[in-house]
PDB file of all heavy atoms in Angstrom:
ATOM      1  N   SER A   1      17.338 -15.857  37.880  1.00  0.00           N
ATOM      2  CA  SER A   1      15.979 -15.315  37.907  1.00  0.00           C
ATOM      3  C   SER A   1      14.901 -16.384  38.069  1.00  0.00           C
ATOM      4  O   SER A   1      15.010 -17.498  37.544  1.00  0.00           O
ATOM      5  CB  SER A   1      15.703 -14.523  36.633  1.00  0.00           C
ATOM      6  OG  SER A   1      16.462 -13.336  36.610  1.00  0.00           O
ATOM      7  N   ILE A   2      13.868 -16.006  38.806  1.00  0.00           N
ATOM      8  CA  ILE A   2      12.622 -16.769  38.909  1.00  0.00           C
ATOM      9  C   ILE A   2      11.482 -15.756  38.779  1.00  0.00           C
ATOM     10  O   ILE A   2      11.342 -14.867  39.620  1.00  0.00           O
ATOM     11  CB  ILE A   2      12.507 -17.516  40.252  1.00  0.00           C
ATOM     12  CG1 ILE A   2      13.657 -18.527  40.416  1.00  0.00           C
ATOM     13  CG2 ILE A   2      11.155 -18.223  40.367  1.00  0.00           C
ATOM     14  CD1 ILE A   2      13.720 -19.173  41.795  1.00  0.00           C
ATOM     15  N   ASP A   3      10.728 -15.863  37.716  1.00  0.00           N
ATOM     16  CA  ASP A   3       9.575 -14.970  37.548  1.00  0.00           C
ATOM     17  C   ASP A   3       8.448 -15.425  38.468  1.00  0.00           C
ATOM     18  O   ASP A   3       8.206 -16.640  38.613  1.00  0.00           O
ATOM     19  CB  ASP A   3       9.102 -14.984  36.090  1.00  0.00           C
ATOM     20  CG  ASP A   3       9.408 -13.669  35.379  1.00  0.00           C
ATOM     21  OD1 ASP A   3       9.731 -12.693  36.074  1.00  0.00           O
ATOM     22  OD2 ASP A   3       9.321 -13.630  34.138  1.00  0.00           O
ATOM     23  N   VAL A   4       7.761 -14.472  39.066  1.00  0.00           N
ATOM     24  CA  VAL A   4       6.684 -14.772  40.013  1.00  0.00           C
ATOM     25  C   VAL A   4       5.409 -14.061  39.564  1.00  0.00           C
ATOM     26  O   VAL A   4       5.431 -12.860  39.260  1.00  0.00           O
ATOM     27  CB  VAL A   4       7.065 -14.313  41.440  1.00  0.00           C
ATOM     28  CG1 VAL A   4       5.933 -14.634  42.420  1.00  0.00           C
ATOM     29  CG2 VAL A   4       8.368 -14.961  41.896  1.00  0.00           C
ATOM     30  N   PHE A   5       4.309 -14.815  39.520  1.00  0.00           N
ATOM     31  CA  PHE A   5       2.992 -14.235  39.227  1.00  0.00           C
ATOM     32  C   PHE A   5       2.061 -14.541  40.396  1.00  0.00           C
ATOM     33  O   PHE A   5       1.989 -15.692  40.859  1.00  0.00           O
ATOM     34  CB  PHE A   5       2.412 -14.819  37.939  1.00  0.00           C
ATOM     35  CG  PHE A   5       3.091 -14.318  36.689  1.00  0.00           C
ATOM     36  CD1 PHE A   5       4.309 -14.842  36.286  1.00  0.00           C
ATOM     37  CD2 PHE A   5       2.512 -13.313  35.926  1.00  0.00           C
ATOM     38  CE1 PHE A   5       4.940 -14.385  35.141  1.00  0.00           C
ATOM     39  CE2 PHE A   5       3.138 -12.845  34.777  1.00  0.00           C
ATOM     40  CZ  PHE A   5       4.356 -13.381  34.382  1.00  0.00           C
ATOM     41  N   ILE A   6       1.391 -13.511  40.896  1.00  0.00           N
ATOM     42  CA  ILE A   6       0.415 -13.671  41.981  1.00  0.00           C
ATOM     43  C   ILE A   6      -0.958 -13.300  41.433  1.00  0.00           C
ATOM     44  O   ILE A   6      -1.169 -12.157  40.989  1.00  0.00           O
ATOM     45  CB  ILE A   6       0.783 -12.792  43.189  1.00  0.00           C
ATOM     46  CG1 ILE A   6       2.170 -13.193  43.734  1.00  0.00           C
ATOM     47  CG2 ILE A   6      -0.276 -12.911  44.279  1.00  0.00           C
ATOM     48  CD1 ILE A   6       2.686 -12.299  44.846  1.00  0.00           C
ATOM     49  N   ASP A   7      -1.830 -14.296  41.414  1.00  0.00           N
ATOM     50  CA  ASP A   7      -3.165 -14.103  40.818  1.00  0.00           C
ATOM     51  C   ASP A   7      -3.059 -13.533  39.410  1.00  0.00           C
ATOM     52  O   ASP A   7      -3.784 -12.606  39.018  1.00  0.00           O
ATOM     53  CB  ASP A   7      -4.029 -13.195  41.702  1.00  0.00           C
ATOM     54  CG  ASP A   7      -4.545 -13.921  42.939  1.00  0.00           C
ATOM     55  OD1 ASP A   7      -4.651 -15.167  42.891  1.00  0.00           O
ATOM     56  OD2 ASP A   7      -4.825 -13.245  43.941  1.00  0.00           O
ATOM     57  N   GLY A   8      -2.098 -14.066  38.658  1.00  0.00           N
ATOM     58  CA  GLY A   8      -1.946 -13.710  37.253  1.00  0.00           C
ATOM     59  C   GLY A   8      -1.173 -12.441  36.977  1.00  0.00           C
ATOM     60  O   GLY A   8      -0.942 -12.092  35.813  1.00  0.00           O
ATOM     61  N   GLU A   9      -0.764 -11.723  38.007  1.00  0.00           N
ATOM     62  CA  GLU A   9      -0.045 -10.468  37.807  1.00  0.00           C
ATOM     63  C   GLU A   9       1.438 -10.662  38.130  1.00  0.00           C
ATOM     64  O   GLU A   9       1.798 -11.162  39.201  1.00  0.00           O
ATOM     65  CB  GLU A   9      -0.626  -9.371  38.695  1.00  0.00           C
ATOM     66  CG  GLU A   9      -0.022  -7.993  38.418  1.00  0.00           C
ATOM     67  CD  GLU A   9      -0.758  -6.878  39.148  1.00  0.00           C
ATOM     68  OE1 GLU A   9      -1.944  -7.070  39.499  1.00  0.00           O
ATOM     69  OE2 GLU A   9      -0.151  -5.817  39.361  1.00  0.00           O
ATOM     70  N   ARG A  10       2.268 -10.234  37.192  1.00  0.00           N
ATOM     71  CA  ARG A  10       3.717 -10.407  37.367  1.00  0.00           C
ATOM     72  C   ARG A  10       4.224  -9.549  38.521  1.00  0.00           C
ATOM     73  O   ARG A  10       3.913  -8.360  38.613  1.00  0.00           O
ATOM     74  CB  ARG A  10       4.451 -10.018  36.084  1.00  0.00           C
ATOM     75  CG  ARG A  10       5.942 -10.348  36.102  1.00  0.00           C
ATOM     76  CD  ARG A  10       6.618  -9.827  34.851  1.00  0.00           C
ATOM     77  NE  ARG A  10       7.904 -10.462  34.619  1.00  0.00           N
ATOM     78  CZ  ARG A  10       8.760 -10.109  33.655  1.00  0.00           C
ATOM     79  NH1 ARG A  10       8.437  -9.107  32.830  1.00  0.00           N
ATOM     80  NH2 ARG A  10       9.908 -10.744  33.507  1.00  0.00           N
ATOM     81  N   LEU A  11       5.014 -10.163  39.381  1.00  0.00           N
ATOM     82  CA  LEU A  11       5.610  -9.443  40.503  1.00  0.00           C
ATOM     83  C   LEU A  11       6.775  -8.602  40.006  1.00  0.00           C
ATOM     84  O   LEU A  11       7.747  -9.123  39.454  1.00  0.00           O
ATOM     85  CB  LEU A  11       6.085 -10.431  41.563  1.00  0.00           C
ATOM     86  CG  LEU A  11       6.802  -9.840  42.780  1.00  0.00           C
ATOM     87  CD1 LEU A  11       5.900  -8.857  43.518  1.00  0.00           C
ATOM     88  CD2 LEU A  11       7.279 -10.947  43.720  1.00  0.00           C
ATOM     89  N   ASP A  12       6.671  -7.306  40.200  1.00  0.00           N
ATOM     90  CA  ASP A  12       7.728  -6.357  39.848  1.00  0.00           C
ATOM     91  C   ASP A  12       8.125  -5.634  41.133  1.00  0.00           C
ATOM     92  O   ASP A  12       7.359  -4.827  41.674  1.00  0.00           O
ATOM     93  CB  ASP A  12       7.230  -5.365  38.802  1.00  0.00           C
ATOM     94  CG  ASP A  12       8.287  -4.346  38.387  1.00  0.00           C
ATOM     95  OD1 ASP A  12       9.379  -4.334  39.000  1.00  0.00           O
ATOM     96  OD2 ASP A  12       8.016  -3.552  37.463  1.00  0.00           O
ATOM     97  N   LEU A  13       9.325  -5.923  41.630  1.00  0.00           N
ATOM     98  CA  LEU A  13       9.736  -5.364  42.918  1.00  0.00           C
ATOM     99  C   LEU A  13       9.919  -3.850  42.889  1.00  0.00           C
ATOM    100  O   LEU A  13      10.031  -3.219  43.942  1.00  0.00           O
ATOM    101  CB  LEU A  13      11.024  -6.039  43.396  1.00  0.00           C
ATOM    102  CG  LEU A  13      10.911  -7.518  43.772  1.00  0.00           C
ATOM    103  CD1 LEU A  13      12.224  -8.023  44.355  1.00  0.00           C
ATOM    104  CD2 LEU A  13       9.773  -7.754  44.758  1.00  0.00           C
ATOM    105  N   ALA A  14       9.944  -3.270  41.690  1.00  0.00           N
ATOM    106  CA  ALA A  14      10.026  -1.808  41.610  1.00  0.00           C
ATOM    107  C   ALA A  14       8.666  -1.151  41.842  1.00  0.00           C
ATOM    108  O   ALA A  14       8.589   0.073  41.989  1.00  0.00           O
ATOM    109  CB  ALA A  14      10.584  -1.391  40.247  1.00  0.00           C
ATOM    110  N   LYS A  15       7.618  -1.970  41.905  1.00  0.00           N
ATOM    111  CA  LYS A  15       6.269  -1.398  41.986  1.00  0.00           C
ATOM    112  C   LYS A  15       5.485  -1.910  43.189  1.00  0.00           C
ATOM    113  O   LYS A  15       4.256  -1.911  43.181  1.00  0.00           O
ATOM    114  CB  LYS A  15       5.505  -1.710  40.696  1.00  0.00           C
ATOM    115  CG  LYS A  15       6.130  -1.080  39.460  1.00  0.00           C
ATOM    116  CD  LYS A  15       5.377  -1.460  38.188  1.00  0.00           C
ATOM    117  CE  LYS A  15       6.032  -0.818  36.967  1.00  0.00           C
ATOM    118  NZ  LYS A  15       5.340  -1.200  35.709  1.00  0.00           N
ATOM    119  N   VAL A  16       6.207  -2.343  44.205  1.00  0.00           N
ATOM    120  CA  VAL A  16       5.533  -2.823  45.415  1.00  0.00           C
ATOM    121  C   VAL A  16       5.979  -1.991  46.604  1.00  0.00           C
ATOM    122  O   VAL A  16       6.962  -1.247  46.540  1.00  0.00           O
ATOM    123  CB  VAL A  16       5.840  -4.312  45.678  1.00  0.00           C
ATOM    124  CG1 VAL A  16       5.320  -5.188  44.553  1.00  0.00           C
ATOM    125  CG2 VAL A  16       7.337  -4.529  45.888  1.00  0.00           C
ATOM    126  N   ASN A  17       5.256  -2.129  47.681  1.00  0.00           N
ATOM    127  CA  ASN A  17       5.610  -1.470  48.931  1.00  0.00           C
ATOM    128  C   ASN A  17       6.297  -2.487  49.838  1.00  0.00           C
ATOM    129  O   ASN A  17       5.717  -3.518  50.174  1.00  0.00           O
ATOM    130  CB  ASN A  17       4.353  -0.912  49.598  1.00  0.00           C
ATOM    131  CG  ASN A  17       4.656  -0.315  50.963  1.00  0.00           C
ATOM    132  OD1 ASN A  17       5.725   0.251  51.176  1.00  0.00           O
ATOM    133  ND2 ASN A  17       3.713  -0.453  51.886  1.00  0.00           N
ATOM    134  N   PHE A  18       7.554  -2.211  50.202  1.00  0.00           N
ATOM    135  CA  PHE A  18       8.282  -3.104  51.093  1.00  0.00           C
ATOM    136  C   PHE A  18       7.886  -2.796  52.537  1.00  0.00           C
ATOM    137  O   PHE A  18       8.160  -1.712  53.052  1.00  0.00           O
ATOM    138  CB  PHE A  18       9.793  -2.931  50.923  1.00  0.00           C
ATOM    139  CG  PHE A  18      10.344  -3.543  49.668  1.00  0.00           C
ATOM    140  CD1 PHE A  18      10.591  -2.760  48.554  1.00  0.00           C
ATOM    141  CD2 PHE A  18      10.608  -4.898  49.609  1.00  0.00           C
ATOM    142  CE1 PHE A  18      11.093  -3.323  47.388  1.00  0.00           C
ATOM    143  CE2 PHE A  18      11.114  -5.475  48.445  1.00  0.00           C
ATOM    144  CZ  PHE A  18      11.361  -4.685  47.333  1.00  0.00           C
ATOM    145  N   LYS A  19       7.258  -3.756  53.179  1.00  0.00           N
ATOM    146  CA  LYS A  19       6.941  -3.622  54.603  1.00  0.00           C
ATOM    147  C   LYS A  19       8.194  -3.884  55.443  1.00  0.00           C
ATOM    148  O   LYS A  19       8.432  -3.229  56.452  1.00  0.00           O
ATOM    149  CB  LYS A  19       5.833  -4.609  54.996  1.00  0.00           C
ATOM    150  CG  LYS A  19       4.597  -4.542  54.120  1.00  0.00           C
ATOM    151  CD  LYS A  19       3.748  -3.323  54.425  1.00  0.00           C
ATOM    152  CE  LYS A  19       2.953  -3.499  55.687  1.00  0.00           C
ATOM    153  NZ  LYS A  19       1.988  -2.383  55.900  1.00  0.00           N
ATOM    154  N   THR A  20       8.969  -4.872  55.035  1.00  0.00           N
ATOM    155  CA  THR A  20      10.287  -5.157  55.628  1.00  0.00           C
ATOM    156  C   THR A  20      11.221  -5.517  54.483  1.00  0.00           C
ATOM    157  O   THR A  20      10.778  -5.994  53.425  1.00  0.00           O
ATOM    158  CB  THR A  20      10.245  -6.322  56.632  1.00  0.00           C
ATOM    159  OG1 THR A  20       9.932  -7.538  55.931  1.00  0.00           O
ATOM    160  CG2 THR A  20       9.218  -6.079  57.729  1.00  0.00           C
ATOM    161  N   PHE A  21      12.514  -5.313  54.685  1.00  0.00           N
ATOM    162  CA  PHE A  21      13.488  -5.673  53.646  1.00  0.00           C
ATOM    163  C   PHE A  21      14.858  -5.879  54.282  1.00  0.00           C
ATOM    164  O   PHE A  21      15.316  -5.056  55.079  1.00  0.00           O
ATOM    165  CB  PHE A  21      13.595  -4.573  52.578  1.00  0.00           C
ATOM    166  CG  PHE A  21      14.581  -4.914  51.480  1.00  0.00           C
ATOM    167  CD1 PHE A  21      14.161  -5.593  50.355  1.00  0.00           C
ATOM    168  CD2 PHE A  21      15.926  -4.574  51.597  1.00  0.00           C
ATOM    169  CE1 PHE A  21      15.068  -5.929  49.347  1.00  0.00           C
ATOM    170  CE2 PHE A  21      16.832  -4.900  50.598  1.00  0.00           C
ATOM    171  CZ  PHE A  21      16.407  -5.579  49.471  1.00  0.00           C
ATOM    172  N   LYS A  22      15.501  -6.980  53.914  1.00  0.00           N
ATOM    173  CA  LYS A  22      16.851  -7.249  54.388  1.00  0.00           C
ATOM    174  C   LYS A  22      17.598  -8.058  53.324  1.00  0.00           C
ATOM    175  O   LYS A  22      17.175  -9.152  52.944  1.00  0.00           O
ATOM    176  CB  LYS A  22      16.816  -8.031  55.708  1.00  0.00           C
ATOM    177  CG  LYS A  22      18.180  -8.237  56.360  1.00  0.00           C
ATOM    178  CD  LYS A  22      17.996  -8.933  57.714  1.00  0.00           C
ATOM    179  CE  LYS A  22      19.308  -9.091  58.447  1.00  0.00           C
ATOM    180  NZ  LYS A  22      19.126  -9.777  59.757  1.00  0.00           N
ATOM    181  N   ARG A  23      18.703  -7.483  52.842  1.00  0.00           N
ATOM    182  CA  ARG A  23      19.603  -8.188  51.914  1.00  0.00           C
ATOM    183  C   ARG A  23      20.928  -8.354  52.651  1.00  0.00           C
ATOM    184  O   ARG A  23      21.492  -7.372  53.140  1.00  0.00           O
ATOM    185  CB  ARG A  23      19.751  -7.390  50.623  1.00  0.00           C
ATOM    186  CG  ARG A  23      20.618  -8.031  49.586  1.00  0.00           C
ATOM    187  CD  ARG A  23      20.427  -7.510  48.155  1.00  0.00           C
ATOM    188  NE  ARG A  23      20.081  -6.120  47.985  1.00  0.00           N
ATOM    189  CZ  ARG A  23      19.818  -5.534  46.803  1.00  0.00           C
ATOM    190  NH1 ARG A  23      19.877  -6.254  45.685  1.00  0.00           N
ATOM    191  NH2 ARG A  23      19.497  -4.265  46.735  1.00  0.00           N
ATOM    192  N   GLN A  24      21.435  -9.567  52.702  1.00  0.00           N
ATOM    193  CA  GLN A  24      22.570  -9.848  53.581  1.00  0.00           C
ATOM    194  C   GLN A  24      23.575 -10.769  52.914  1.00  0.00           C
ATOM    195  O   GLN A  24      23.232 -11.833  52.395  1.00  0.00           O
ATOM    196  CB  GLN A  24      22.058 -10.498  54.875  1.00  0.00           C
ATOM    197  CG  GLN A  24      23.132 -10.953  55.836  1.00  0.00           C
ATOM    198  CD  GLN A  24      22.540 -11.459  57.138  1.00  0.00           C
ATOM    199  OE1 GLN A  24      21.484 -11.008  57.574  1.00  0.00           O
ATOM    200  NE2 GLN A  24      23.217 -12.399  57.771  1.00  0.00           N
ATOM    201  N   LEU A  25      24.837 -10.344  52.948  1.00  0.00           N
ATOM    202  CA  LEU A  25      25.954 -11.173  52.505  1.00  0.00           C
ATOM    203  C   LEU A  25      26.599 -11.801  53.735  1.00  0.00           C
ATOM    204  O   LEU A  25      27.086 -11.093  54.620  1.00  0.00           O
ATOM    205  CB  LEU A  25      26.987 -10.327  51.754  1.00  0.00           C
ATOM    206  CG  LEU A  25      28.340 -10.994  51.463  1.00  0.00           C
ATOM    207  CD1 LEU A  25      28.169 -12.155  50.485  1.00  0.00           C
ATOM    208  CD2 LEU A  25      29.340  -9.978  50.916  1.00  0.00           C
ATOM    209  N   ASN A  26      26.591 -13.122  53.807  1.00  0.00           N
ATOM    210  CA  ASN A  26      27.270 -13.847  54.874  1.00  0.00           C
ATOM    211  C   ASN A  26      28.630 -14.284  54.352  1.00  0.00           C
ATOM    212  O   ASN A  26      28.730 -15.140  53.469  1.00  0.00           O
ATOM    213  CB  ASN A  26      26.444 -15.057  55.322  1.00  0.00           C
ATOM    214  CG  ASN A  26      27.100 -15.816  56.465  1.00  0.00           C
ATOM    215  OD1 ASN A  26      28.207 -16.316  56.342  1.00  0.00           O
ATOM    216  ND2 ASN A  26      26.399 -15.905  57.581  1.00  0.00           N
ATOM    217  N   MET A  27      29.678 -13.676  54.892  1.00  0.00           N
ATOM    218  CA  MET A  27      31.023 -13.935  54.386  1.00  0.00           C
ATOM    219  C   MET A  27      31.625 -15.207  54.969  1.00  0.00           C
ATOM    220  O   MET A  27      32.501 -15.813  54.361  1.00  0.00           O
ATOM    221  CB  MET A  27      31.919 -12.735  54.691  1.00  0.00           C
ATOM    222  CG  MET A  27      31.434 -11.448  54.040  1.00  0.00           C
ATOM    223  SD  MET A  27      32.426 -10.002  54.455  1.00  0.00           S
ATOM    224  CE  MET A  27      31.974  -9.692  56.168  1.00  0.00           C
ATOM    225  N   LYS A  28      31.166 -15.608  56.137  1.00  0.00           N
ATOM    226  CA  LYS A  28      31.715 -16.802  56.780  1.00  0.00           C
ATOM    227  C   LYS A  28      31.400 -18.059  55.972  1.00  0.00           C
ATOM    228  O   LYS A  28      32.250 -18.942  55.823  1.00  0.00           O
ATOM    229  CB  LYS A  28      31.154 -16.935  58.200  1.00  0.00           C
ATOM    230  CG  LYS A  28      31.826 -18.015  59.027  1.00  0.00           C
ATOM    231  CD  LYS A  28      31.345 -17.965  60.471  1.00  0.00           C
ATOM    232  CE  LYS A  28      32.124 -18.940  61.337  1.00  0.00           C
ATOM    233  NZ  LYS A  28      31.712 -18.853  62.763  1.00  0.00           N
ATOM    234  N   GLU A  29      30.177 -18.124  55.437  1.00  0.00           N
ATOM    235  CA  GLU A  29      29.753 -19.314  54.705  1.00  0.00           C
ATOM    236  C   GLU A  29      29.487 -19.057  53.228  1.00  0.00           C
ATOM    237  O   GLU A  29      29.141 -19.981  52.493  1.00  0.00           O
ATOM    238  CB  GLU A  29      28.510 -19.906  55.366  1.00  0.00           C
ATOM    239  CG  GLU A  29      28.756 -20.385  56.799  1.00  0.00           C
ATOM    240  CD  GLU A  29      27.517 -20.997  57.410  1.00  0.00           C
ATOM    241  OE1 GLU A  29      26.638 -20.229  57.848  1.00  0.00           O
ATOM    242  OE2 GLU A  29      27.424 -22.234  57.444  1.00  0.00           O
ATOM    243  N   GLY A  30      29.618 -17.821  52.792  1.00  0.00           N
ATOM    244  CA  GLY A  30      29.570 -17.525  51.374  1.00  0.00           C
ATOM    245  C   GLY A  30      28.206 -17.631  50.732  1.00  0.00           C
ATOM    246  O   GLY A  30      28.023 -18.348  49.738  1.00  0.00           O
ATOM    247  N   TYR A  31      27.231 -16.917  51.268  1.00  0.00           N
ATOM    248  CA  TYR A  31      25.904 -16.919  50.651  1.00  0.00           C
ATOM    249  C   TYR A  31      25.255 -15.546  50.795  1.00  0.00           C
ATOM    250  O   TYR A  31      25.689 -14.709  51.586  1.00  0.00           O
ATOM    251  CB  TYR A  31      25.003 -17.995  51.257  1.00  0.00           C
ATOM    252  CG  TYR A  31      24.643 -17.797  52.718  1.00  0.00           C
ATOM    253  CD1 TYR A  31      23.569 -16.995  53.105  1.00  0.00           C
ATOM    254  CD2 TYR A  31      25.374 -18.424  53.727  1.00  0.00           C
ATOM    255  CE1 TYR A  31      23.230 -16.816  54.437  1.00  0.00           C
ATOM    256  CE2 TYR A  31      25.042 -18.265  55.065  1.00  0.00           C
ATOM    257  CZ  TYR A  31      23.975 -17.458  55.417  1.00  0.00           C
ATOM    258  OH  TYR A  31      23.640 -17.281  56.730  1.00  0.00           O
ATOM    259  N   VAL A  32      24.189 -15.338  50.018  1.00  0.00           N
ATOM    260  CA  VAL A  32      23.392 -14.110  50.104  1.00  0.00           C
ATOM    261  C   VAL A  32      21.949 -14.486  50.408  1.00  0.00           C
ATOM    262  O   VAL A  32      21.373 -15.366  49.757  1.00  0.00           O
ATOM    263  CB  VAL A  32      23.468 -13.296  48.796  1.00  0.00           C
ATOM    264  CG1 VAL A  32      22.410 -12.197  48.775  1.00  0.00           C
ATOM    265  CG2 VAL A  32      24.857 -12.680  48.635  1.00  0.00           C
ATOM    266  N   ASP A  33      21.385 -13.834  51.417  1.00  0.00           N
ATOM    267  CA  ASP A  33      19.954 -13.936  51.736  1.00  0.00           C
ATOM    268  C   ASP A  33      19.269 -12.631  51.351  1.00  0.00           C
ATOM    269  O   ASP A  33      19.804 -11.549  51.632  1.00  0.00           O
ATOM    270  CB  ASP A  33      19.736 -14.161  53.235  1.00  0.00           C
ATOM    271  CG  ASP A  33      19.971 -15.602  53.661  1.00  0.00           C
ATOM    272  OD1 ASP A  33      20.103 -16.474  52.784  1.00  0.00           O
ATOM    273  OD2 ASP A  33      20.032 -15.852  54.885  1.00  0.00           O
ATOM    274  N   ILE A  34      18.110 -12.742  50.721  1.00  0.00           N
ATOM    275  CA  ILE A  34      17.273 -11.571  50.465  1.00  0.00           C
ATOM    276  C   ILE A  34      15.877 -11.906  50.986  1.00  0.00           C
ATOM    277  O   ILE A  34      15.183 -12.765  50.433  1.00  0.00           O
ATOM    278  CB  ILE A  34      17.217 -11.204  48.967  1.00  0.00           C
ATOM    279  CG1 ILE A  34      18.624 -11.085  48.374  1.00  0.00           C
ATOM    280  CG2 ILE A  34      16.447  -9.903  48.768  1.00  0.00           C
ATOM    281  CD1 ILE A  34      18.667 -10.784  46.887  1.00  0.00           C
ATOM    282  N   ASN A  35      15.504 -11.245  52.065  1.00  0.00           N
ATOM    283  CA  ASN A  35      14.228 -11.533  52.729  1.00  0.00           C
ATOM    284  C   ASN A  35      13.394 -10.259  52.851  1.00  0.00           C
ATOM    285  O   ASN A  35      13.931  -9.211  53.230  1.00  0.00           O
ATOM    286  CB  ASN A  35      14.469 -12.113  54.127  1.00  0.00           C
ATOM    287  CG  ASN A  35      15.304 -13.389  54.088  1.00  0.00           C
ATOM    288  OD1 ASN A  35      15.222 -14.162  53.139  1.00  0.00           O
ATOM    289  ND2 ASN A  35      16.113 -13.594  55.107  1.00  0.00           N
ATOM    290  N   PHE A  36      12.107 -10.350  52.538  1.00  0.00           N
ATOM    291  CA  PHE A  36      11.253  -9.164  52.647  1.00  0.00           C
ATOM    292  C   PHE A  36       9.786  -9.555  52.721  1.00  0.00           C
ATOM    293  O   PHE A  36       9.394 -10.683  52.374  1.00  0.00           O
ATOM    294  CB  PHE A  36      11.486  -8.207  51.477  1.00  0.00           C
ATOM    295  CG  PHE A  36      11.443  -8.848  50.114  1.00  0.00           C
ATOM    296  CD1 PHE A  36      10.232  -9.122  49.481  1.00  0.00           C
ATOM    297  CD2 PHE A  36      12.622  -9.182  49.447  1.00  0.00           C
ATOM    298  CE1 PHE A  36      10.191  -9.702  48.234  1.00  0.00           C
ATOM    299  CE2 PHE A  36      12.585  -9.769  48.197  1.00  0.00           C
ATOM    300  CZ  PHE A  36      11.369 -10.032  47.582  1.00  0.00           C
ATOM    301  N   ILE A  37       8.994  -8.607  53.177  1.00  0.00           N
ATOM    302  CA  ILE A  37       7.539  -8.701  53.106  1.00  0.00           C
ATOM    303  C   ILE A  37       7.062  -7.532  52.261  1.00  0.00           C
ATOM    304  O   ILE A  37       7.454  -6.379  52.494  1.00  0.00           O
ATOM    305  CB  ILE A  37       6.897  -8.648  54.502  1.00  0.00           C
ATOM    306  CG1 ILE A  37       7.322  -9.874  55.333  1.00  0.00           C
ATOM    307  CG2 ILE A  37       5.375  -8.591  54.403  1.00  0.00           C
ATOM    308  CD1 ILE A  37       6.859  -9.817  56.776  1.00  0.00           C
ATOM    309  N   ILE A  38       6.237  -7.821  51.261  1.00  0.00           N
ATOM    310  CA  ILE A  38       5.755  -6.785  50.350  1.00  0.00           C
ATOM    311  C   ILE A  38       4.230  -6.713  50.395  1.00  0.00           C
ATOM    312  O   ILE A  38       3.553  -7.689  50.731  1.00  0.00           O
ATOM    313  CB  ILE A  38       6.207  -7.050  48.896  1.00  0.00           C
ATOM    314  CG1 ILE A  38       5.800  -8.459  48.454  1.00  0.00           C
ATOM    315  CG2 ILE A  38       7.701  -6.829  48.748  1.00  0.00           C
ATOM    316  CD1 ILE A  38       6.034  -8.752  46.991  1.00  0.00           C
ATOM    317  N   ALA A  39       3.741  -5.557  50.050  1.00  0.00           N
ATOM    318  CA  ALA A  39       2.296  -5.364  49.910  1.00  0.00           C
ATOM    319  C   ALA A  39       2.022  -4.830  48.513  1.00  0.00           C
ATOM    320  O   ALA A  39       2.676  -3.880  48.064  1.00  0.00           O
ATOM    321  CB  ALA A  39       1.784  -4.387  50.964  1.00  0.00           C
ATOM    322  N   ASP A  40       1.069  -5.460  47.818  1.00  0.00           N
ATOM    323  CA  ASP A  40       0.744  -4.977  46.473  1.00  0.00           C
ATOM    324  C   ASP A  40      -0.449  -4.022  46.533  1.00  0.00           C
ATOM    325  O   ASP A  40      -0.977  -3.717  47.612  1.00  0.00           O
ATOM    326  CB  ASP A  40       0.494  -6.151  45.519  1.00  0.00           C
ATOM    327  CG  ASP A  40      -0.684  -7.025  45.937  1.00  0.00           C
ATOM    328  OD1 ASP A  40      -1.557  -6.535  46.688  1.00  0.00           O
ATOM    329  OD2 ASP A  40      -0.738  -8.194  45.518  1.00  0.00           O
ATOM    330  N   LYS A  41      -0.902  -3.564  45.397  1.00  0.00           N
ATOM    331  CA  LYS A  41      -1.971  -2.560  45.360  1.00  0.00           C
ATOM    332  C   LYS A  41      -3.315  -3.102  45.839  1.00  0.00           C
ATOM    333  O   LYS A  41      -4.224  -2.338  46.158  1.00  0.00           O
ATOM    334  CB  LYS A  41      -2.101  -1.990  43.947  1.00  0.00           C
ATOM    335  CG  LYS A  41      -2.398  -3.013  42.876  1.00  0.00           C
ATOM    336  CD  LYS A  41      -2.303  -2.384  41.490  1.00  0.00           C
ATOM    337  CE  LYS A  41      -2.534  -3.410  40.398  1.00  0.00           C
ATOM    338  NZ  LYS A  41      -2.375  -2.825  39.042  1.00  0.00           N
ATOM    339  N   LYS A  42      -3.437  -4.431  45.886  1.00  0.00           N
ATOM    340  CA  LYS A  42      -4.655  -5.041  46.405  1.00  0.00           C
ATOM    341  C   LYS A  42      -4.614  -5.183  47.923  1.00  0.00           C
ATOM    342  O   LYS A  42      -5.587  -5.620  48.539  1.00  0.00           O
ATOM    343  CB  LYS A  42      -4.849  -6.426  45.789  1.00  0.00           C
ATOM    344  CG  LYS A  42      -5.025  -6.436  44.285  1.00  0.00           C
ATOM    345  CD  LYS A  42      -5.126  -7.872  43.769  1.00  0.00           C
ATOM    346  CE  LYS A  42      -5.211  -7.925  42.244  1.00  0.00           C
ATOM    347  NZ  LYS A  42      -5.236  -9.334  41.764  1.00  0.00           N
ATOM    348  N   GLY A  43      -3.459  -4.859  48.518  1.00  0.00           N
ATOM    349  CA  GLY A  43      -3.305  -5.031  49.958  1.00  0.00           C
ATOM    350  C   GLY A  43      -2.829  -6.413  50.350  1.00  0.00           C
ATOM    351  O   GLY A  43      -2.705  -6.722  51.539  1.00  0.00           O
ATOM    352  N   HIS A  44      -2.552  -7.250  49.358  1.00  0.00           N
ATOM    353  CA  HIS A  44      -2.030  -8.589  49.638  1.00  0.00           C
ATOM    354  C   HIS A  44      -0.588  -8.477  50.146  1.00  0.00           C
ATOM    355  O   HIS A  44       0.252  -7.824  49.521  1.00  0.00           O
ATOM    356  CB  HIS A  44      -2.048  -9.454  48.372  1.00  0.00           C
ATOM    357  CG  HIS A  44      -3.421  -9.838  47.943  1.00  0.00           C
ATOM    358  ND1 HIS A  44      -3.684 -10.466  46.744  1.00  0.00           N
ATOM    359  CD2 HIS A  44      -4.633  -9.681  48.550  1.00  0.00           C
ATOM    360  CE1 HIS A  44      -4.983 -10.682  46.630  1.00  0.00           C
ATOM    361  NE2 HIS A  44      -5.583 -10.210  47.717  1.00  0.00           N
TER     362      HIS A  44
END
């Protein structure tokens, strides 16, 4: 875990709007990527 705060507000992924989202298991090299763009209630 890494906690994230943006302008003092804790990032909770259950309460954001995902503009894009991709979670990927690469079996050839043994890693997981989780990439996304989110928008919060301020439009950030």
